[in-house]
């Protein structure tokens, strides 16, 4: 039975762990929160424990007591910096966390969930895994540095996730429904997204032995500008189009406008259940 450790059993990680278990893998989940670990341990058919991956000694100790002595078929690093996390938090959780995990465990495949924010393009061009990834914001530069560490490891794989939405979570839909949404500038900025379950399915696919290691974009099929997205939501919910406003150039991971290609991931047989954010939005109640 293949063995996987899912580190960061949060919004995406929990869904990924469930997929591995359903497929017959021996799953162990980690969270940072004792409360989350306790809740999940009562809900899930696999063990979930709380560990601080920024503490190298704690990670080493956990690996030594791990079944198989830390040898894994796959390790999925799905951690989050938490809301409002700044550069120092990013460095500790993403970069140092990945280093600590790689030093303690011996996975045949290490899948790290990064972000499409590492693409700094602002010209609306289509980007793939060979496109320049030279982010301007420090938080995204730390994600890029973490990618370098992961890709140097045996089986190192980076899943660059677009903006995540799904059950009970969508920043764009929430802002629209609460009246906080603003069409920035001319609304021509391209927005890339991925449903939580499609992201989890991508992580599961990339953990398989036949998936070549490397970088993969994880985004849905449909590229939408901000204006197109809000116009569609206005029609769907029978509400007015959000007002216009200035561009928010002070985003945590930088201001970008690009269309993210998922062709490499699709070539492995993965395909999203939700080809577009609007497919999911159409299912939501008014």
C-alpha atoms as a PDB file:
ATOM      1  CA  UNK A   1       0.000   0.000   0.000  1.00  0.00           C
ATOM      2  CA  UNK A   2       1.555   3.348  -1.002  1.00  0.00           C
ATOM      3  CA  UNK A   3       2.133   5.795   1.838  1.00  0.00           C
ATOM      4  CA  UNK A   4       1.568   9.571   1.722  1.00  0.00           C
ATOM      5  CA  UNK A   5       1.972  12.387   4.220  1.00  0.00           C
ATOM      6  CA  UNK A   6      -0.189  15.432   3.560  1.00  0.00           C
ATOM      7  CA  UNK A   7       1.243  18.423   5.392  1.00  0.00           C
ATOM      8  CA  UNK A   8      -1.296  21.193   5.761  1.00  0.00           C
ATOM      9  CA  UNK A   9      -4.706  19.488   5.929  1.00  0.00           C
ATOM     10  CA  UNK A  10      -6.579  22.707   5.322  1.00  0.00           C
ATOM     11  CA  UNK A  11      -8.951  23.743   2.558  1.00  0.00           C
ATOM     12  CA  UNK A  12      -7.048  21.993  -0.253  1.00  0.00           C
ATOM     13  CA  UNK A  13      -4.941  19.557   1.751  1.00  0.00           C
ATOM     14  CA  UNK A  14      -7.912  17.906   3.440  1.00  0.00           C
ATOM     15  CA  UNK A  15      -9.581  17.305   0.060  1.00  0.00           C
ATOM     16  CA  UNK A  16      -6.331  15.872  -1.307  1.00  0.00           C
ATOM     17  CA  UNK A  17      -5.894  13.569   1.694  1.00  0.00           C
ATOM     18  CA  UNK A  18      -9.430  12.293   1.180  1.00  0.00           C
ATOM     19  CA  UNK A  19      -8.612  11.444  -2.452  1.00  0.00           C
ATOM     20  CA  UNK A  20      -5.509   9.513  -1.491  1.00  0.00           C
ATOM     21  CA  UNK A  21      -7.432   7.544   1.127  1.00  0.00           C
ATOM     22  CA  UNK A  22     -10.254   6.759  -1.302  1.00  0.00           C
ATOM     23  CA  UNK A  23      -7.651   5.427  -3.739  1.00  0.00           C
ATOM     24  CA  UNK A  24      -6.267   3.005  -1.162  1.00  0.00           C
ATOM     25  CA  UNK A  25      -3.209   4.929   0.012  1.00  0.00           C
ATOM     26  CA  UNK A  26      -2.047   4.859   3.631  1.00  0.00           C
ATOM     27  CA  UNK A  27      -2.606   8.498   4.575  1.00  0.00           C
ATOM     28  CA  UNK A  28      -1.286  10.602   7.428  1.00  0.00           C
ATOM     29  CA  UNK A  29      -2.305  14.220   7.739  1.00  0.00           C
ATOM     30  CA  UNK A  30      -0.555  17.058   9.542  1.00  0.00           C
ATOM     31  CA  UNK A  31      -1.925  20.420  10.585  1.00  0.00           C
ATOM     32  CA  UNK A  32      -0.399  23.289  12.515  1.00  0.00           C
ATOM     33  CA  UNK A  33      -3.411  23.664  14.781  1.00  0.00           C
ATOM     34  CA  UNK A  34      -4.072  21.291  17.668  1.00  0.00           C
ATOM     35  CA  UNK A  35      -7.774  22.111  17.357  1.00  0.00           C
ATOM     36  CA  UNK A  36      -7.880  21.223  13.651  1.00  0.00           C
ATOM     37  CA  UNK A  37      -5.971  17.999  14.265  1.00  0.00           C
ATOM     38  CA  UNK A  38      -8.380  16.986  17.032  1.00  0.00           C
ATOM     39  CA  UNK A  39     -11.431  17.731  14.868  1.00  0.00           C
ATOM     40  CA  UNK A  40     -10.108  15.940  11.800  1.00  0.00           C
ATOM     41  CA  UNK A  41      -8.998  12.929  13.838  1.00  0.00           C
ATOM     42  CA  UNK A  42     -12.606  12.352  14.836  1.00  0.00           C
ATOM     43  CA  UNK A  43     -13.955  12.931  11.319  1.00  0.00           C
ATOM     44  CA  UNK A  44     -11.425  11.150   9.117  1.00  0.00           C
ATOM     45  CA  UNK A  45     -10.604   7.470   8.649  1.00  0.00           C
ATOM     46  CA  UNK A  46      -6.883   8.330   8.683  1.00  0.00           C
ATOM     47  CA  UNK A  47      -4.740   9.856  11.460  1.00  0.00           C
ATOM     48  CA  UNK A  48      -4.190  13.611  11.650  1.00  0.00           C
ATOM     49  CA  UNK A  49      -1.630  15.145  14.012  1.00  0.00           C
ATOM     50  CA  UNK A  50      -0.482  18.683  14.847  1.00  0.00           C
ATOM     51  CA  UNK A  51       3.134  19.558  14.048  1.00  0.00           C
ATOM     52  CA  UNK A  52       5.036  22.790  13.606  1.00  0.00           C
ATOM     53  CA  UNK A  53       7.075  22.330  10.433  1.00  0.00           C
ATOM     54  CA  UNK A  54       9.048  25.511  11.147  1.00  0.00           C
ATOM     55  CA  UNK A  55      10.696  23.642  14.043  1.00  0.00           C
ATOM     56  CA  UNK A  56      13.358  21.354  12.485  1.00  0.00           C
ATOM     57  CA  UNK A  57      13.836  19.352  15.666  1.00  0.00           C
ATOM     58  CA  UNK A  58      10.117  18.644  15.935  1.00  0.00           C
ATOM     59  CA  UNK A  59       9.977  17.549  12.300  1.00  0.00           C
ATOM     60  CA  UNK A  60      12.993  15.267  12.705  1.00  0.00           C
ATOM     61  CA  UNK A  61      11.479  13.702  15.809  1.00  0.00           C
ATOM     62  CA  UNK A  62       8.172  13.118  14.040  1.00  0.00           C
ATOM     63  CA  UNK A  63       9.925  11.544  11.062  1.00  0.00           C
ATOM     64  CA  UNK A  64      11.851   9.113  13.248  1.00  0.00           C
ATOM     65  CA  UNK A  65       8.623   7.822  14.787  1.00  0.00           C
ATOM     66  CA  UNK A  66       6.839   7.739  11.437  1.00  0.00           C
ATOM     67  CA  UNK A  67       5.866   4.359   9.948  1.00  0.00           C
ATOM     68  CA  UNK A  68       8.676   3.245   7.682  1.00  0.00           C
ATOM     69  CA  UNK A  69      11.164   5.595   9.315  1.00  0.00           C
ATOM     70  CA  UNK A  70      10.235   8.571   7.157  1.00  0.00           C
ATOM     71  CA  UNK A  71      10.252   6.773   3.816  1.00  0.00           C
ATOM     72  CA  UNK A  72       7.224   7.797   1.785  1.00  0.00           C
ATOM     73  CA  UNK A  73       5.842   7.246  -1.666  1.00  0.00           C
ATOM     74  CA  UNK A  74       4.735  10.875  -1.631  1.00  0.00           C
ATOM     75  CA  UNK A  75       4.773  13.937   0.573  1.00  0.00           C
ATOM     76  CA  UNK A  76       2.339  16.716  -0.310  1.00  0.00           C
ATOM     77  CA  UNK A  77       3.348  20.074   1.141  1.00  0.00           C
ATOM     78  CA  UNK A  78       0.079  22.003   1.215  1.00  0.00           C
ATOM     79  CA  UNK A  79       0.794  24.495   3.988  1.00  0.00           C
ATOM     80  CA  UNK A  80      -0.580  28.017   4.257  1.00  0.00           C
ATOM     81  CA  UNK A  81       0.930  31.129   5.788  1.00  0.00           C
ATOM     82  CA  UNK A  82      -2.404  32.099   7.274  1.00  0.00           C
ATOM     83  CA  UNK A  83      -4.341  35.257   6.574  1.00  0.00           C
ATOM     84  CA  UNK A  84      -2.283  38.398   6.494  1.00  0.00           C
ATOM     85  CA  UNK A  85       1.049  36.559   6.608  1.00  0.00           C
ATOM     86  CA  UNK A  86       3.975  38.778   5.635  1.00  0.00           C
ATOM     87  CA  UNK A  87       7.435  37.986   4.232  1.00  0.00           C
ATOM     88  CA  UNK A  88       8.846  36.656   7.506  1.00  0.00           C
ATOM     89  CA  UNK A  89       5.896  34.299   7.942  1.00  0.00           C
ATOM     90  CA  UNK A  90       6.226  33.188   4.318  1.00  0.00           C
ATOM     91  CA  UNK A  91       9.912  32.453   4.768  1.00  0.00           C
ATOM     92  CA  UNK A  92       9.327  30.381   7.901  1.00  0.00           C
ATOM     93  CA  UNK A  93       6.316  28.422   6.694  1.00  0.00           C
ATOM     94  CA  UNK A  94       7.054  27.897   3.014  1.00  0.00           C
ATOM     95  CA  UNK A  95      10.829  28.027   2.581  1.00  0.00           C
ATOM     96  CA  UNK A  96      12.123  26.780   5.930  1.00  0.00           C
ATOM     97  CA  UNK A  97       9.177  24.406   6.246  1.00  0.00           C
ATOM     98  CA  UNK A  98       9.996  22.737   2.932  1.00  0.00           C
ATOM     99  CA  UNK A  99      13.657  22.484   3.868  1.00  0.00           C
ATOM    100  CA  UNK A 100      12.797  20.888   7.201  1.00  0.00           C
ATOM    101  CA  UNK A 101      10.488  18.347   5.583  1.00  0.00           C
ATOM    102  CA  UNK A 102      13.027  17.427   2.917  1.00  0.00           C
ATOM    103  CA  UNK A 103      15.747  17.011   5.541  1.00  0.00           C
ATOM    104  CA  UNK A 104      13.615  14.723   7.711  1.00  0.00           C
ATOM    105  CA  UNK A 105      11.745  12.553   5.204  1.00  0.00           C
ATOM    106  CA  UNK A 106      12.702  10.505   2.162  1.00  0.00           C
ATOM    107  CA  UNK A 107       9.735  10.787  -0.196  1.00  0.00           C
ATOM    108  CA  UNK A 108       9.888   9.341  -3.683  1.00  0.00           C
ATOM    109  CA  UNK A 109       7.797  12.350  -4.736  1.00  0.00           C
ATOM    110  CA  UNK A 110       7.638  15.737  -3.001  1.00  0.00           C
ATOM    111  CA  UNK A 111       4.719  17.855  -4.245  1.00  0.00           C
ATOM    112  CA  UNK A 112       4.779  21.484  -3.173  1.00  0.00           C
ATOM    113  CA  UNK A 113       1.762  23.732  -3.674  1.00  0.00           C
ATOM    114  CA  UNK A 114       3.004  27.068  -4.892  1.00  0.00           C
ATOM    115  CA  UNK A 115       1.221  29.887  -6.653  1.00  0.00           C
ATOM    116  CA  UNK A 116       0.773  31.371 -10.113  1.00  0.00           C
ATOM    117  CA  UNK A 117       1.623  34.702  -8.472  1.00  0.00           C
ATOM    118  CA  UNK A 118       5.257  33.941  -9.343  1.00  0.00           C
ATOM    119  CA  UNK A 119       4.387  35.000 -12.909  1.00  0.00           C
ATOM    120  CA  UNK A 120       4.719  38.785 -12.882  1.00  0.00           C
ATOM    121  CA  UNK A 121       3.457  39.371 -16.427  1.00  0.00           C
ATOM    122  CA  UNK A 122       1.114  42.342 -16.783  1.00  0.00           C
ATOM    123  CA  UNK A 123       0.529  42.318 -20.552  1.00  0.00           C
ATOM    124  CA  UNK A 124      -2.265  39.740 -20.643  1.00  0.00           C
ATOM    125  CA  UNK A 125      -0.044  37.161 -22.330  1.00  0.00           C
ATOM    126  CA  UNK A 126      -0.520  33.413 -21.964  1.00  0.00           C
ATOM    127  CA  UNK A 127       2.052  31.896 -19.610  1.00  0.00           C
ATOM    128  CA  UNK A 128       3.139  28.288 -19.300  1.00  0.00           C
ATOM    129  CA  UNK A 129       5.745  26.554 -17.166  1.00  0.00           C
ATOM    130  CA  UNK A 130       8.556  27.751 -19.457  1.00  0.00           C
ATOM    131  CA  UNK A 131       7.554  31.412 -19.131  1.00  0.00           C
ATOM    132  CA  UNK A 132       9.687  33.734 -16.992  1.00  0.00           C
ATOM    133  CA  UNK A 133       8.704  33.619 -13.319  1.00  0.00           C
ATOM    134  CA  UNK A 134      10.360  36.673 -11.803  1.00  0.00           C
ATOM    135  CA  UNK A 135       7.953  38.095  -9.217  1.00  0.00           C
ATOM    136  CA  UNK A 136       8.326  41.622  -7.883  1.00  0.00           C
ATOM    137  CA  UNK A 137       6.770  41.216  -4.423  1.00  0.00           C
ATOM    138  CA  UNK A 138       8.899  39.721  -1.665  1.00  0.00           C
ATOM    139  CA  UNK A 139       6.241  37.197  -0.654  1.00  0.00           C
ATOM    140  CA  UNK A 140       6.104  35.777  -4.176  1.00  0.00           C
ATOM    141  CA  UNK A 141       9.903  35.818  -4.430  1.00  0.00           C
ATOM    142  CA  UNK A 142       9.984  33.604  -1.325  1.00  0.00           C
ATOM    143  CA  UNK A 143       7.554  31.200  -3.007  1.00  0.00           C
ATOM    144  CA  UNK A 144       9.871  31.156  -6.008  1.00  0.00           C
ATOM    145  CA  UNK A 145      12.860  30.455  -3.774  1.00  0.00           C
ATOM    146  CA  UNK A 146      10.943  27.576  -2.206  1.00  0.00           C
ATOM    147  CA  UNK A 147      10.316  26.170  -5.680  1.00  0.00           C
ATOM    148  CA  UNK A 148      14.081  26.118  -6.318  1.00  0.00           C
ATOM    149  CA  UNK A 149      14.649  24.113  -3.127  1.00  0.00           C
ATOM    150  CA  UNK A 150      11.898  21.636  -3.995  1.00  0.00           C
ATOM    151  CA  UNK A 151      12.943  21.161  -7.620  1.00  0.00           C
ATOM    152  CA  UNK A 152      16.490  20.308  -6.505  1.00  0.00           C
ATOM    153  CA  UNK A 153      15.151  17.358  -4.488  1.00  0.00           C
ATOM    154  CA  UNK A 154      14.494  13.854  -5.770  1.00  0.00           C
ATOM    155  CA  UNK A 155      10.983  13.793  -7.198  1.00  0.00           C
ATOM    156  CA  UNK A 156      10.559  17.506  -6.571  1.00  0.00           C
ATOM    157  CA  UNK A 157       7.324  18.773  -8.102  1.00  0.00           C
ATOM    158  CA  UNK A 158       5.769  22.230  -7.937  1.00  0.00           C
ATOM    159  CA  UNK A 159       2.054  22.763  -8.428  1.00  0.00           C
ATOM    160  CA  UNK A 160       1.500  26.452  -9.133  1.00  0.00           C
ATOM    161  CA  UNK A 161      -2.091  27.017  -8.028  1.00  0.00           C
ATOM    162  CA  UNK A 162      -4.261  29.818  -9.351  1.00  0.00           C
ATOM    163  CA  UNK A 163      -6.710  31.565  -7.026  1.00  0.00           C
ATOM    164  CA  UNK A 164      -8.628  28.924  -5.091  1.00  0.00           C
ATOM    165  CA  UNK A 165     -12.386  28.864  -4.702  1.00  0.00           C
ATOM    166  CA  UNK A 166     -14.844  26.176  -3.680  1.00  0.00           C
ATOM    167  CA  UNK A 167     -17.300  25.133  -0.977  1.00  0.00           C
ATOM    168  CA  UNK A 168     -17.951  28.130   1.216  1.00  0.00           C
ATOM    169  CA  UNK A 169     -15.015  30.076  -0.182  1.00  0.00           C
ATOM    170  CA  UNK A 170     -14.656  32.578  -2.992  1.00  0.00           C
ATOM    171  CA  UNK A 171     -13.201  36.006  -2.419  1.00  0.00           C
ATOM    172  CA  UNK A 172     -14.586  37.320  -5.695  1.00  0.00           C
ATOM    173  CA  UNK A 173     -18.106  36.007  -5.166  1.00  0.00           C
ATOM    174  CA  UNK A 174     -18.166  37.166  -1.547  1.00  0.00           C
ATOM    175  CA  UNK A 175     -17.104  40.682  -2.513  1.00  0.00           C
ATOM    176  CA  UNK A 176     -19.709  40.763  -5.254  1.00  0.00           C
ATOM    177  CA  UNK A 177     -22.554  39.623  -2.992  1.00  0.00           C
ATOM    178  CA  UNK A 178     -21.591  41.957  -0.139  1.00  0.00           C
ATOM    179  CA  UNK A 179     -21.255  44.972  -2.417  1.00  0.00           C
ATOM    180  CA  UNK A 180     -17.517  45.320  -1.811  1.00  0.00           C
ATOM    181  CA  UNK A 181     -16.530  44.465  -5.384  1.00  0.00           C
ATOM    182  CA  UNK A 182     -14.973  47.136  -7.609  1.00  0.00           C
ATOM    183  CA  UNK A 183     -14.222  46.976 -11.317  1.00  0.00           C
ATOM    184  CA  UNK A 184     -10.631  48.170 -11.238  1.00  0.00           C
ATOM    185  CA  UNK A 185      -9.632  50.560 -14.004  1.00  0.00           C
ATOM    186  CA  UNK A 186     -10.993  49.249 -17.299  1.00  0.00           C
ATOM    187  CA  UNK A 187     -11.580  45.785 -15.799  1.00  0.00           C
ATOM    188  CA  UNK A 188      -9.220  44.210 -18.339  1.00  0.00           C
ATOM    189  CA  UNK A 189      -7.005  42.437 -15.792  1.00  0.00           C
ATOM    190  CA  UNK A 190      -7.036  38.682 -16.381  1.00  0.00           C
ATOM    191  CA  UNK A 191      -8.058  36.491 -13.444  1.00  0.00           C
ATOM    192  CA  UNK A 192      -6.988  32.851 -13.079  1.00  0.00           C
ATOM    193  CA  UNK A 193      -8.757  30.466 -10.705  1.00  0.00           C
ATOM    194  CA  UNK A 194      -9.086  26.812  -9.738  1.00  0.00           C
ATOM    195  CA  UNK A 195     -11.755  24.950  -7.780  1.00  0.00           C
ATOM    196  CA  UNK A 196     -10.606  23.355  -4.529  1.00  0.00           C
ATOM    197  CA  UNK A 197     -11.551  19.841  -5.674  1.00  0.00           C
ATOM    198  CA  UNK A 198      -9.794  20.252  -9.025  1.00  0.00           C
ATOM    199  CA  UNK A 199      -6.668  21.448  -7.230  1.00  0.00           C
ATOM    200  CA  UNK A 200      -6.800  18.392  -4.941  1.00  0.00           C
ATOM    201  CA  UNK A 201      -7.192  16.115  -7.957  1.00  0.00           C
ATOM    202  CA  UNK A 202      -4.133  17.743  -9.521  1.00  0.00           C
ATOM    203  CA  UNK A 203      -2.040  17.116  -6.407  1.00  0.00           C
ATOM    204  CA  UNK A 204      -3.163  13.497  -6.376  1.00  0.00           C
ATOM    205  CA  UNK A 205      -2.201  13.083 -10.031  1.00  0.00           C
ATOM    206  CA  UNK A 206       1.199  14.724  -9.561  1.00  0.00           C
ATOM    207  CA  UNK A 207       2.006  12.397  -6.663  1.00  0.00           C
ATOM    208  CA  UNK A 208       1.803   9.340  -8.909  1.00  0.00           C
ATOM    209  CA  UNK A 209       5.062   7.639  -9.870  1.00  0.00           C
ATOM    210  CA  UNK A 210       4.424   8.055 -13.613  1.00  0.00           C
ATOM    211  CA  UNK A 211       4.051  11.855 -13.446  1.00  0.00           C
ATOM    212  CA  UNK A 212       7.334  13.484 -14.456  1.00  0.00           C
ATOM    213  CA  UNK A 213       8.618  15.783 -11.708  1.00  0.00           C
ATOM    214  CA  UNK A 214       8.881  19.486 -12.393  1.00  0.00           C
ATOM    215  CA  UNK A 215       6.595  22.521 -12.529  1.00  0.00           C
ATOM    216  CA  UNK A 216       2.885  22.362 -13.363  1.00  0.00           C
ATOM    217  CA  UNK A 217       0.310  25.132 -13.570  1.00  0.00           C
ATOM    218  CA  UNK A 218      -2.971  24.286 -11.842  1.00  0.00           C
ATOM    219  CA  UNK A 219      -5.711  26.505 -13.242  1.00  0.00           C
ATOM    220  CA  UNK A 220      -9.074  25.965 -14.879  1.00  0.00           C
ATOM    221  CA  UNK A 221      -9.644  26.189 -18.635  1.00  0.00           C
ATOM    222  CA  UNK A 222     -11.366  29.550 -18.917  1.00  0.00           C
ATOM    223  CA  UNK A 223      -9.608  32.889 -18.869  1.00  0.00           C
ATOM    224  CA  UNK A 224     -11.813  35.739 -17.682  1.00  0.00           C
ATOM    225  CA  UNK A 225     -11.149  39.424 -17.302  1.00  0.00           C
ATOM    226  CA  UNK A 226     -12.369  41.031 -14.115  1.00  0.00           C
ATOM    227  CA  UNK A 227     -15.051  42.886 -16.071  1.00  0.00           C
ATOM    228  CA  UNK A 228     -16.256  39.697 -17.816  1.00  0.00           C
ATOM    229  CA  UNK A 229     -16.424  37.881 -14.493  1.00  0.00           C
ATOM    230  CA  UNK A 230     -18.425  40.570 -12.722  1.00  0.00           C
ATOM    231  CA  UNK A 231     -20.766  41.031 -15.687  1.00  0.00           C
ATOM    232  CA  UNK A 232     -21.530  37.304 -15.596  1.00  0.00           C
ATOM    233  CA  UNK A 233     -22.138  37.392 -11.840  1.00  0.00           C
ATOM    234  CA  UNK A 234     -24.404  40.412 -12.217  1.00  0.00           C
ATOM    235  CA  UNK A 235     -26.482  38.515 -14.773  1.00  0.00           C
ATOM    236  CA  UNK A 236     -26.513  35.321 -12.713  1.00  0.00           C
ATOM    237  CA  UNK A 237     -27.671  36.995  -9.498  1.00  0.00           C
ATOM    238  CA  UNK A 238     -29.744  39.778 -11.001  1.00  0.00           C
ATOM    239  CA  UNK A 239     -27.656  42.498  -9.425  1.00  0.00           C
ATOM    240  CA  UNK A 240     -26.014  45.625 -10.805  1.00  0.00           C
ATOM    241  CA  UNK A 241     -22.463  45.631 -12.082  1.00  0.00           C
ATOM    242  CA  UNK A 242     -20.028  46.726  -9.353  1.00  0.00           C
ATOM    243  CA  UNK A 243     -18.883  50.336  -9.555  1.00  0.00           C
ATOM    244  CA  UNK A 244     -15.627  51.355 -11.156  1.00  0.00           C
ATOM    245  CA  UNK A 245     -12.594  52.257  -9.086  1.00  0.00           C
ATOM    246  CA  UNK A 246      -8.811  52.555  -9.146  1.00  0.00           C
ATOM    247  CA  UNK A 247      -6.532  49.570  -9.669  1.00  0.00           C
ATOM    248  CA  UNK A 248      -5.347  47.981  -6.432  1.00  0.00           C
ATOM    249  CA  UNK A 249      -1.610  47.815  -7.077  1.00  0.00           C
ATOM    250  CA  UNK A 250      -0.825  47.010  -3.453  1.00  0.00           C
ATOM    251  CA  UNK A 251      -1.741  43.331  -3.564  1.00  0.00           C
ATOM    252  CA  UNK A 252       0.211  41.045  -1.236  1.00  0.00           C
ATOM    253  CA  UNK A 253       1.566  38.965  -4.099  1.00  0.00           C
ATOM    254  CA  UNK A 254       1.718  41.746  -6.650  1.00  0.00           C
ATOM    255  CA  UNK A 255      -0.378  43.154  -9.492  1.00  0.00           C
ATOM    256  CA  UNK A 256      -0.402  40.901 -12.560  1.00  0.00           C
ATOM    257  CA  UNK A 257      -2.471  40.272 -15.655  1.00  0.00           C
ATOM    258  CA  UNK A 258      -1.801  37.038 -17.498  1.00  0.00           C
ATOM    259  CA  UNK A 259      -3.568  33.937 -18.761  1.00  0.00           C
ATOM    260  CA  UNK A 260      -2.263  30.772 -17.138  1.00  0.00           C
ATOM    261  CA  UNK A 261      -2.097  27.675 -19.345  1.00  0.00           C
ATOM    262  CA  UNK A 262      -2.898  24.270 -17.817  1.00  0.00           C
ATOM    263  CA  UNK A 263      -1.846  22.321 -20.934  1.00  0.00           C
ATOM    264  CA  UNK A 264       1.033  20.457 -19.283  1.00  0.00           C
ATOM    265  CA  UNK A 265      -1.165  19.167 -16.483  1.00  0.00           C
ATOM    266  CA  UNK A 266      -3.939  18.248 -18.904  1.00  0.00           C
ATOM    267  CA  UNK A 267      -1.410  16.192 -20.882  1.00  0.00           C
ATOM    268  CA  UNK A 268      -1.185  13.885 -17.841  1.00  0.00           C
ATOM    269  CA  UNK A 269      -4.902  13.137 -18.117  1.00  0.00           C
ATOM    270  CA  UNK A 270      -6.079  15.617 -15.491  1.00  0.00           C
ATOM    271  CA  UNK A 271      -9.118  17.646 -16.383  1.00  0.00           C
ATOM    272  CA  UNK A 272     -11.059  20.026 -14.172  1.00  0.00           C
ATOM    273  CA  UNK A 273     -14.603  19.286 -13.140  1.00  0.00           C
ATOM    274  CA  UNK A 274     -15.194  23.028 -13.259  1.00  0.00           C
ATOM    275  CA  UNK A 275     -13.852  24.289 -16.565  1.00  0.00           C
ATOM    276  CA  UNK A 276     -14.709  27.823 -15.467  1.00  0.00           C
ATOM    277  CA  UNK A 277     -15.370  29.681 -12.244  1.00  0.00           C
ATOM    278  CA  UNK A 278     -18.702  30.645 -13.779  1.00  0.00           C
ATOM    279  CA  UNK A 279     -19.735  26.963 -13.978  1.00  0.00           C
ATOM    280  CA  UNK A 280     -19.436  26.783 -10.203  1.00  0.00           C
ATOM    281  CA  UNK A 281     -20.993  30.197  -9.624  1.00  0.00           C
ATOM    282  CA  UNK A 282     -24.048  29.093 -11.595  1.00  0.00           C
ATOM    283  CA  UNK A 283     -24.648  26.396  -8.980  1.00  0.00           C
ATOM    284  CA  UNK A 284     -24.633  28.801  -6.054  1.00  0.00           C
ATOM    285  CA  UNK A 285     -27.883  30.001  -4.559  1.00  0.00           C
ATOM    286  CA  UNK A 286     -28.875  33.616  -4.931  1.00  0.00           C
END
